[in-house]
């Protein structure tokens, strides 16, 4: 299954895919060199948008929650990549504590946790689940739709170590993005590896830091393969001290929306693109598609009604929005299905360590190609990707499935590399000194 791409024959993306295929040895060699200098996050997922004339990441998640949506054929890739990641961190690791999100009633999410735990167990680790939820005060069994079960256990803190009753792990893997803050029970764990590091959580992390790092990575990569970096990189800017309830920061928003739209119009004119430029205004921290709006004119951000202001004011865990990123909107011309059943689609690429381990399509039948698909009503295409993102076929056309997926994988790895730089630059000072 490959989604229908209405612009596949117009040439622009075909040119990018062709450049990637022609430069394949240089690309892989360059990426290998980058990974020798920078440590990739333990795992990550990248939301891509494919406009035909542009293929770019629009979000990077360091606590991916959709391993259950990956095709089963990619399980060996996941296990091998996880083995590599664990060997780097703690070659003698025997026990791992997995800490999921608190929403224990979200069975779709818990299926992701079950699949992630299964991958880790296949690496030879003993894996148990510890919950930060105040509701989990004793071992709690959760029944999943497929008939399997998860056992959630309360965490036990002892000085500088964290574990469970009778279980002392070598490492702790967070699948909880810490949107509501870093709880004291996770702090000062000097004797255990915590993956990803605590500053990767949304209590500290900012999307603008990631895309600043990606801007550097995309520029270096574009020079390597001889393309305009804009073809793989969305423009962005940031507004601080925003309060949607009090209508503070509207002038900053309007000015930045105008500035980014002007940059996009210039590029559209340069490449003869007959589309309406737009930006996406979203909370600079947070996930789950909350605090997001599509804007085509600066006047839209100074005329928000109460419902719109309420929507933009809070994100996950009820956290207030005080800083936003204004990001170039990238149209998605891919769709899954046909006729009344058609839905606009965007690829989501999953990685463990530096390896692409699969992907799937986020699909929304009620959204347009210039809107966020991460919204109620979306679904994940169960057939996922037909082929790995790591095996292009130079005997086929550049837009053949293996080659399009290779292009997805290249851009996703660039985002993973940017995440590496981001985490290095935002690490607490004591971590930077210990690594020096």
Protein backbone atom coordinates (compact mmCIF):
# COMPACT_ATOMS: atom_id res chain seq x y z
CA UNK A 1 0.00 0.00 0.00
CA UNK A 2 1.38 3.35 -1.07
CA UNK A 3 -0.81 6.43 -0.67
CA UNK A 4 -1.84 8.26 -3.81
CA UNK A 5 0.45 11.26 -4.35
CA UNK A 6 -1.25 13.72 -6.65
CA UNK A 7 1.96 15.59 -7.47
CA UNK A 8 4.12 12.55 -8.16
CA UNK A 9 4.48 13.38 -11.86
CA UNK A 10 5.04 17.13 -11.54
CA UNK A 11 8.76 16.73 -11.14
CA UNK A 12 9.74 18.71 -8.04
CA UNK A 13 9.82 15.95 -5.45
CA UNK A 14 11.00 13.58 -8.15
CA UNK A 15 14.07 15.82 -8.41
CA UNK A 16 14.74 15.62 -4.65
CA UNK A 17 14.38 11.84 -4.70
CA UNK A 18 16.70 11.65 -7.71
CA UNK A 19 19.33 13.75 -5.92
CA UNK A 20 19.10 11.47 -2.88
CA UNK A 21 19.58 8.38 -5.04
CA UNK A 22 22.49 9.87 -6.98
CA UNK A 23 24.20 10.97 -3.76
CA UNK A 24 23.41 7.78 -1.78
CA UNK A 25 27.05 6.82 -0.99
CA UNK A 26 27.87 10.38 0.09
CA UNK A 27 24.70 10.63 2.18
CA UNK A 28 25.31 7.41 4.07
CA UNK A 29 28.99 8.21 4.59
CA UNK A 30 28.14 11.71 5.85
CA UNK A 31 25.52 10.36 8.27
CA UNK A 32 27.97 7.74 9.58
CA UNK A 33 30.44 10.52 10.30
CA UNK A 34 27.80 12.57 12.10
CA UNK A 35 26.87 9.65 14.36
CA UNK A 36 30.50 9.27 15.34
CA UNK A 37 30.38 12.80 16.72
CA UNK A 38 26.84 12.92 18.13
CA UNK A 39 24.86 10.44 20.21
CA UNK A 40 21.36 9.85 18.85
CA UNK A 41 18.35 9.83 21.18
CA UNK A 42 17.32 6.34 22.29
CA UNK A 43 14.26 6.60 20.04
CA UNK A 44 12.13 9.12 18.21
CA UNK A 45 9.39 9.64 15.67
CA UNK A 46 9.18 12.31 12.99
CA UNK A 47 6.05 13.73 11.37
CA UNK A 48 6.78 14.51 7.72
CA UNK A 49 4.80 16.51 5.18
CA UNK A 50 5.14 15.79 1.47
CA UNK A 51 4.08 18.72 -0.71
CA UNK A 52 5.56 17.37 -3.93
CA UNK A 53 7.83 20.39 -4.21
CA UNK A 54 8.99 20.01 -0.60
CA UNK A 55 9.54 17.17 1.88
CA UNK A 56 10.10 18.39 5.42
CA UNK A 57 9.71 17.40 9.08
CA UNK A 58 7.13 19.38 11.01
CA UNK A 59 7.45 17.71 14.41
CA UNK A 60 9.91 15.51 16.32
CA UNK A 61 8.74 13.35 19.21
CA UNK A 62 11.35 12.01 21.63
CA UNK A 63 8.82 9.82 23.48
CA UNK A 64 7.09 8.02 20.59
CA UNK A 65 3.77 6.41 21.43
CA UNK A 66 2.83 4.40 18.33
CA UNK A 67 5.02 1.30 18.22
CA UNK A 68 1.83 -0.74 17.96
CA UNK A 69 1.14 0.89 14.58
CA UNK A 70 4.32 -0.43 12.98
CA UNK A 71 4.04 -3.36 10.60
CA UNK A 72 4.99 -6.66 12.22
CA UNK A 73 7.56 -7.32 9.50
CA UNK A 74 9.71 -4.54 10.95
CA UNK A 75 9.98 -6.17 14.39
CA UNK A 76 13.48 -7.60 13.68
CA UNK A 77 14.70 -4.10 12.74
CA UNK A 78 13.33 -2.74 16.01
CA UNK A 79 15.02 -5.45 18.07
CA UNK A 80 18.39 -5.06 16.35
CA UNK A 81 18.31 -1.28 16.68
CA UNK A 82 17.33 -1.52 20.36
CA UNK A 83 20.22 -3.93 20.96
CA UNK A 84 22.62 -1.40 19.44
CA UNK A 85 21.22 1.43 21.55
CA UNK A 86 21.44 -0.57 24.77
CA UNK A 87 24.95 -1.85 24.05
CA UNK A 88 26.16 1.75 23.69
CA UNK A 89 24.71 2.81 27.02
CA UNK A 90 25.10 -0.21 29.26
CA UNK A 91 26.47 -3.37 27.59
CA UNK A 92 25.91 -5.42 30.77
CA UNK A 93 22.30 -4.30 31.21
CA UNK A 94 20.00 -7.04 32.43
CA UNK A 95 17.02 -5.19 33.84
CA UNK A 96 15.17 -2.17 32.44
CA UNK A 97 12.39 -0.13 34.02
CA UNK A 98 9.91 1.29 31.50
CA UNK A 99 7.88 4.30 32.71
CA UNK A 100 4.79 5.02 30.57
CA UNK A 101 2.37 7.93 30.50
CA UNK A 102 -0.14 8.20 33.32
CA UNK A 103 -3.29 7.76 31.23
CA UNK A 104 -3.83 4.11 32.08
CA UNK A 105 -7.30 4.10 30.51
CA UNK A 106 -6.05 4.86 27.00
CA UNK A 107 -5.88 1.31 25.66
CA UNK A 108 -4.49 2.40 22.28
CA UNK A 109 -1.53 4.00 24.02
CA UNK A 110 -1.06 0.99 26.32
CA UNK A 111 -0.87 -1.28 23.27
CA UNK A 112 2.12 0.84 22.26
CA UNK A 113 3.65 0.24 25.70
CA UNK A 114 3.10 -3.50 25.35
CA UNK A 115 4.78 -3.57 21.95
CA UNK A 116 7.71 -1.48 23.17
CA UNK A 117 8.17 -3.79 26.16
CA UNK A 118 8.06 -6.82 23.83
CA UNK A 119 10.79 -5.30 21.63
CA UNK A 120 13.00 -4.65 24.65
CA UNK A 121 12.47 -8.15 26.06
CA UNK A 122 13.61 -9.62 22.76
CA UNK A 123 16.96 -7.91 23.30
CA UNK A 124 17.47 -10.09 26.40
CA UNK A 125 16.33 -7.58 29.01
CA UNK A 126 14.00 -8.21 31.91
CA UNK A 127 11.47 -5.41 31.51
CA UNK A 128 8.94 -4.24 34.08
CA UNK A 129 6.63 -1.23 34.08
CA UNK A 130 6.69 1.44 36.76
CA UNK A 131 3.97 4.08 36.88
CA UNK A 132 4.17 7.72 37.95
CA UNK A 133 0.39 7.80 38.32
CA UNK A 134 -0.84 8.45 41.88
CA UNK A 135 -3.64 5.98 41.12
CA UNK A 136 -1.20 3.08 40.88
CA UNK A 137 -0.51 2.31 44.55
CA UNK A 138 -0.24 -1.46 44.11
CA UNK A 139 0.52 -3.80 41.19
CA UNK A 140 -2.29 -3.23 38.71
CA UNK A 141 -3.15 -5.47 35.76
CA UNK A 142 -4.59 -3.85 32.63
CA UNK A 143 -6.41 -6.00 30.07
CA UNK A 144 -5.68 -5.03 26.45
CA UNK A 145 -8.02 -5.47 23.45
CA UNK A 146 -5.83 -8.19 21.90
CA UNK A 147 -6.17 -10.35 25.01
CA UNK A 148 -2.73 -9.57 26.43
CA UNK A 149 -2.09 -7.90 29.78
CA UNK A 150 0.15 -5.22 31.23
CA UNK A 151 1.26 -5.12 34.84
CA UNK A 152 1.79 -1.57 36.14
CA UNK A 153 3.63 -1.27 39.45
CA UNK A 154 4.27 1.63 41.85
CA UNK A 155 7.75 3.09 41.78
CA UNK A 156 10.11 2.69 44.74
CA UNK A 157 12.83 5.30 45.36
CA UNK A 158 15.94 4.49 47.42
CA UNK A 159 18.54 7.26 47.69
CA UNK A 160 19.95 7.72 44.16
CA UNK A 161 18.22 4.72 42.58
CA UNK A 162 14.74 4.04 41.29
CA UNK A 163 13.04 0.69 40.88
CA UNK A 164 10.14 -1.48 41.93
CA UNK A 165 9.58 -3.72 44.90
CA UNK A 166 12.27 -6.39 44.48
CA UNK A 167 13.47 -5.00 41.14
CA UNK A 168 16.59 -2.84 40.71
CA UNK A 169 17.07 -1.90 37.03
CA UNK A 170 20.30 -0.90 35.29
CA UNK A 171 18.50 1.67 33.15
CA UNK A 172 15.21 3.55 33.01
CA UNK A 173 13.41 4.20 29.73
CA UNK A 174 10.85 7.00 29.77
CA UNK A 175 7.82 6.77 27.52
CA UNK A 176 6.35 9.66 29.48
CA UNK A 177 7.02 13.11 28.02
CA UNK A 178 6.95 14.91 31.41
CA UNK A 179 4.57 17.60 30.17
CA UNK A 180 3.50 18.49 33.70
CA UNK A 181 7.05 18.73 35.03
CA UNK A 182 9.88 16.54 36.29
CA UNK A 183 8.66 14.79 39.44
CA UNK A 184 11.10 14.63 42.38
CA UNK A 185 11.16 10.82 42.22
CA UNK A 186 13.01 11.05 38.85
CA UNK A 187 15.54 13.66 39.92
CA UNK A 188 19.15 13.04 41.00
CA UNK A 189 19.31 9.44 39.82
CA UNK A 190 23.09 9.53 39.68
CA UNK A 191 23.57 5.77 39.60
CA UNK A 192 21.24 4.87 36.71
CA UNK A 193 20.91 5.76 33.05
CA UNK A 194 17.67 7.64 32.29
CA UNK A 195 16.63 7.53 28.63
CA UNK A 196 15.88 9.94 27.07
CA UNK A 197 17.47 12.41 29.52
CA UNK A 198 15.09 14.43 31.68
CA UNK A 199 15.71 17.63 29.73
CA UNK A 200 14.17 15.93 26.67
CA UNK A 201 10.76 16.18 28.37
CA UNK A 202 8.34 18.98 27.57
CA UNK A 203 8.88 20.49 31.02
CA UNK A 204 12.18 21.76 29.58
CA UNK A 205 12.24 21.07 25.83
CA UNK A 206 11.17 23.61 23.18
CA UNK A 207 10.33 22.89 19.54
CA UNK A 208 12.15 26.04 18.49
CA UNK A 209 15.42 24.63 19.88
CA UNK A 210 14.92 21.51 17.80
CA UNK A 211 14.23 23.40 14.58
CA UNK A 212 17.16 25.72 15.19
CA UNK A 213 19.37 22.62 15.30
CA UNK A 214 17.57 21.19 12.27
CA UNK A 215 18.22 24.41 10.37
CA UNK A 216 21.96 23.80 10.78
CA UNK A 217 21.71 20.10 9.85
CA UNK A 218 19.55 20.81 6.79
CA UNK A 219 21.98 23.49 5.58
CA UNK A 220 24.98 21.18 5.87
CA UNK A 221 23.11 18.32 4.18
CA UNK A 222 21.79 20.53 1.37
CA UNK A 223 25.32 21.62 0.50
CA UNK A 224 26.36 17.98 0.41
CA UNK A 225 23.69 16.93 -2.12
CA UNK A 226 23.35 20.22 -3.99
CA UNK A 227 19.78 21.28 -3.19
CA UNK A 228 18.13 24.37 -1.78
CA UNK A 229 17.82 23.67 1.99
CA UNK A 230 14.30 25.13 1.89
CA UNK A 231 13.20 22.02 0.01
CA UNK A 232 13.66 19.98 3.20
CA UNK A 233 13.37 22.68 5.87
CA UNK A 234 10.39 24.74 7.07
CA UNK A 235 10.88 28.40 7.99
CA UNK A 236 10.00 29.28 11.58
CA UNK A 237 10.12 32.02 14.19
CA UNK A 238 9.19 32.31 17.87
CA UNK A 239 7.05 34.56 20.05
CA UNK A 240 7.62 34.66 23.79
CA UNK A 241 5.46 36.17 26.56
CA UNK A 242 2.20 35.19 24.87
CA UNK A 243 -1.05 35.02 26.82
CA UNK A 244 -4.03 34.15 24.66
CA UNK A 245 -6.56 34.71 27.44
CA UNK A 246 -5.26 38.24 28.10
CA UNK A 247 -4.57 38.87 24.38
CA UNK A 248 -0.94 39.61 25.17
CA UNK A 249 1.67 39.15 22.47
CA UNK A 250 -0.72 39.64 19.54
CA UNK A 251 1.57 42.22 17.93
CA UNK A 252 4.50 39.83 18.09
CA UNK A 253 2.37 37.06 16.61
CA UNK A 254 1.08 39.22 13.77
CA UNK A 255 4.55 40.52 12.90
CA UNK A 256 6.10 37.05 12.87
CA UNK A 257 3.25 35.54 10.87
CA UNK A 258 3.70 38.30 8.30
CA UNK A 259 7.46 37.77 8.17
CA UNK A 260 7.27 33.98 7.70
CA UNK A 261 4.49 34.27 5.09
CA UNK A 262 6.62 36.76 3.16
CA UNK A 263 9.53 34.30 3.08
CA UNK A 264 7.26 31.52 1.85
CA UNK A 265 5.73 33.72 -0.89
CA UNK A 266 9.22 34.55 -2.11
CA UNK A 267 10.07 30.84 -2.43
CA UNK A 268 6.76 30.02 -4.08
CA UNK A 269 7.44 32.74 -6.65
CA UNK A 270 10.99 31.47 -7.18
CA UNK A 271 9.77 27.93 -7.91
CA UNK A 272 6.53 28.86 -9.68
CA UNK A 273 4.37 27.20 -7.01
CA UNK A 274 0.67 27.98 -7.35
CA UNK A 275 -0.39 27.47 -3.73
CA UNK A 276 -1.56 29.64 -0.86
CA UNK A 277 1.18 30.06 1.75
CA UNK A 278 0.23 29.39 5.35
CA UNK A 279 1.84 29.01 8.75
CA UNK A 280 1.05 26.84 11.73
CA UNK A 281 1.05 28.56 15.10
CA UNK A 282 1.58 26.06 17.91
CA UNK A 283 2.74 25.83 21.47
CA UNK A 284 6.52 25.72 21.62
CA UNK A 285 6.26 22.86 24.11
CA UNK A 286 3.85 19.95 24.12
CA UNK A 287 2.29 17.31 21.97
CA UNK A 288 -0.98 15.51 21.14
CA UNK A 289 -1.89 18.19 18.60
CA UNK A 290 -3.04 20.64 21.28
CA UNK A 291 -2.51 24.39 21.01
CA UNK A 292 -2.30 24.38 17.19
CA UNK A 293 -3.89 26.63 14.57
CA UNK A 294 -3.47 27.21 10.82
CA UNK A 295 -3.04 30.85 9.75
CA UNK A 296 -3.02 32.33 6.23
CA UNK A 297 -3.07 36.01 7.16
CA UNK A 298 -1.73 37.95 10.15
CA UNK A 299 -5.17 39.41 10.82
CA UNK A 300 -6.33 35.96 11.94
CA UNK A 301 -4.14 36.00 15.07
CA UNK A 302 -5.45 39.35 16.31
CA UNK A 303 -9.09 38.46 15.89
CA UNK A 304 -9.39 35.22 17.84
CA UNK A 305 -12.73 34.59 19.48
CA UNK A 306 -13.05 33.19 22.99
CA UNK A 307 -13.28 29.58 21.82
CA UNK A 308 -10.10 29.94 19.75
CA UNK A 309 -8.24 31.65 22.60
CA UNK A 310 -9.26 28.90 25.00
CA UNK A 311 -8.06 26.26 22.53
CA UNK A 312 -4.66 27.91 22.16
CA UNK A 313 -4.20 28.70 25.87
CA UNK A 314 -3.55 25.21 27.25
CA UNK A 315 -1.87 22.00 26.19
CA UNK A 316 -1.56 18.50 27.64
CA UNK A 317 -1.95 18.22 31.44
CA UNK A 318 -3.63 21.65 31.41
CA UNK A 319 -0.30 23.46 31.14
CA UNK A 320 -0.60 27.11 30.08
CA UNK A 321 0.89 28.26 26.76
CA UNK A 322 3.28 31.20 27.09
CA UNK A 323 5.52 30.73 24.06
CA UNK A 324 4.63 29.71 20.51
CA UNK A 325 6.48 28.72 17.37
CA UNK A 326 5.28 30.10 14.03
CA UNK A 327 6.21 27.40 11.52
CA UNK A 328 5.92 27.35 7.76
CA UNK A 329 2.97 25.20 6.77
CA UNK A 330 3.86 22.35 4.42
CA UNK A 331 0.98 21.02 2.33
CA UNK A 332 0.52 17.28 2.24
CA UNK A 333 -0.50 15.98 -1.17
CA UNK A 334 -0.65 12.37 -0.10
CA UNK A 335 -3.91 10.60 0.51
CA UNK A 336 -4.99 7.10 1.43
CA UNK A 337 -8.05 5.61 -0.25
CA UNK A 338 -10.15 7.05 -3.03
CA UNK A 339 -13.53 8.67 -3.51
CA UNK A 340 -15.62 9.32 -0.38
CA UNK A 341 -13.30 7.11 1.65
CA UNK A 342 -10.19 9.15 0.81
CA UNK A 343 -8.27 10.75 3.63
CA UNK A 344 -5.39 13.21 3.66
CA UNK A 345 -2.27 11.44 4.91
CA UNK A 346 1.19 12.20 6.27
CA UNK A 347 4.04 9.77 6.94
CA UNK A 348 5.32 9.20 10.45
CA UNK A 349 8.78 7.63 10.59
CA UNK A 350 10.01 5.74 13.66
CA UNK A 351 13.65 5.41 14.72
CA UNK A 352 15.57 3.63 17.43
CA UNK A 353 19.06 4.99 17.91
CA UNK A 354 20.26 6.04 14.41
CA UNK A 355 18.19 3.44 12.57
CA UNK A 356 14.87 3.83 10.81
CA UNK A 357 12.72 0.95 12.05
CA UNK A 358 9.46 1.56 10.19
CA UNK A 359 6.62 3.96 9.74
CA UNK A 360 2.94 4.42 9.08
CA UNK A 361 0.50 7.03 7.82
CA UNK A 362 -1.54 9.37 9.95
CA UNK A 363 -4.81 9.79 8.06
CA UNK A 364 -7.69 12.22 8.57
CA UNK A 365 -10.77 12.19 6.35
CA UNK A 366 -12.06 15.50 7.69
CA UNK A 367 -8.97 17.65 7.31
CA UNK A 368 -7.50 19.46 4.33
CA UNK A 369 -3.99 19.30 2.94
CA UNK A 370 -3.07 22.53 4.73
CA UNK A 371 -4.31 21.47 8.18
CA UNK A 372 -2.85 19.54 11.10
CA UNK A 373 -3.85 15.87 10.93
CA UNK A 374 -3.04 15.26 14.59
CA UNK A 375 -6.60 15.89 15.70
CA UNK A 376 -9.68 13.96 16.84
CA UNK A 377 -10.95 11.83 13.98
CA UNK A 378 -7.50 10.77 12.74
CA UNK A 379 -6.50 7.16 12.38
CA UNK A 380 -3.32 5.29 11.58
CA UNK A 381 -3.23 3.29 8.39
CA UNK A 382 -2.79 -0.28 9.60
CA UNK A 383 -0.93 -1.51 6.53
CA UNK A 384 1.95 0.85 7.35
CA UNK A 385 4.86 1.15 4.93
CA UNK A 386 5.36 -1.56 2.36
CA UNK A 387 9.15 -1.49 2.50
CA UNK A 388 11.91 -0.36 4.80
CA UNK A 389 13.07 3.26 4.55
CA UNK A 390 16.66 2.02 4.24
CA UNK A 391 16.58 0.00 1.00
CA UNK A 392 16.28 2.20 -2.12
CA UNK A 393 16.20 0.54 -5.53
CA UNK A 394 18.21 2.48 -8.08
CA UNK A 395 16.82 0.25 -10.86
CA UNK A 396 13.36 1.74 -10.34
CA UNK A 397 12.00 5.24 -10.91
CA UNK A 398 12.91 7.82 -8.24
CA UNK A 399 9.30 7.95 -7.00
CA UNK A 400 8.90 4.15 -6.76
CA UNK A 401 7.89 3.08 -3.22
CA UNK A 402 11.36 1.99 -2.02
CA UNK A 403 12.85 5.28 -3.21
CA UNK A 404 10.14 7.52 -1.82
CA UNK A 405 10.47 5.69 1.50
CA UNK A 406 14.24 6.13 1.33
CA UNK A 407 13.68 9.88 0.97
CA UNK A 408 11.40 9.74 4.03
CA UNK A 409 14.12 7.88 5.92
CA UNK A 410 16.85 10.34 4.98
CA UNK A 411 14.86 13.38 6.13
CA UNK A 412 13.78 11.57 9.30
CA UNK A 413 17.40 10.77 10.12
CA UNK A 414 18.27 14.43 9.62
CA UNK A 415 15.63 15.26 12.22
CA UNK A 416 17.06 12.60 14.55
CA UNK A 417 20.51 14.14 14.09
CA UNK A 418 19.05 17.57 14.89
CA UNK A 419 17.56 16.09 18.06
CA UNK A 420 21.05 14.92 19.02
CA UNK A 421 22.41 18.46 18.63
CA UNK A 422 19.40 19.88 20.44
CA UNK A 423 19.89 17.63 23.48
CA UNK A 424 23.62 18.39 23.57
CA UNK A 425 22.98 22.14 23.53
CA UNK A 426 20.22 22.11 26.13
CA UNK A 427 21.83 19.66 28.58
CA UNK A 428 22.24 20.96 32.13
CA UNK A 429 25.69 22.38 32.70
CA UNK A 430 26.81 19.52 34.95
CA UNK A 431 26.06 17.02 32.16
CA UNK A 432 28.00 19.07 29.61
CA UNK A 433 31.01 19.21 31.96
CA UNK A 434 30.90 15.45 32.61
CA UNK A 435 30.95 14.79 28.86
CA UNK A 436 33.78 17.22 28.13
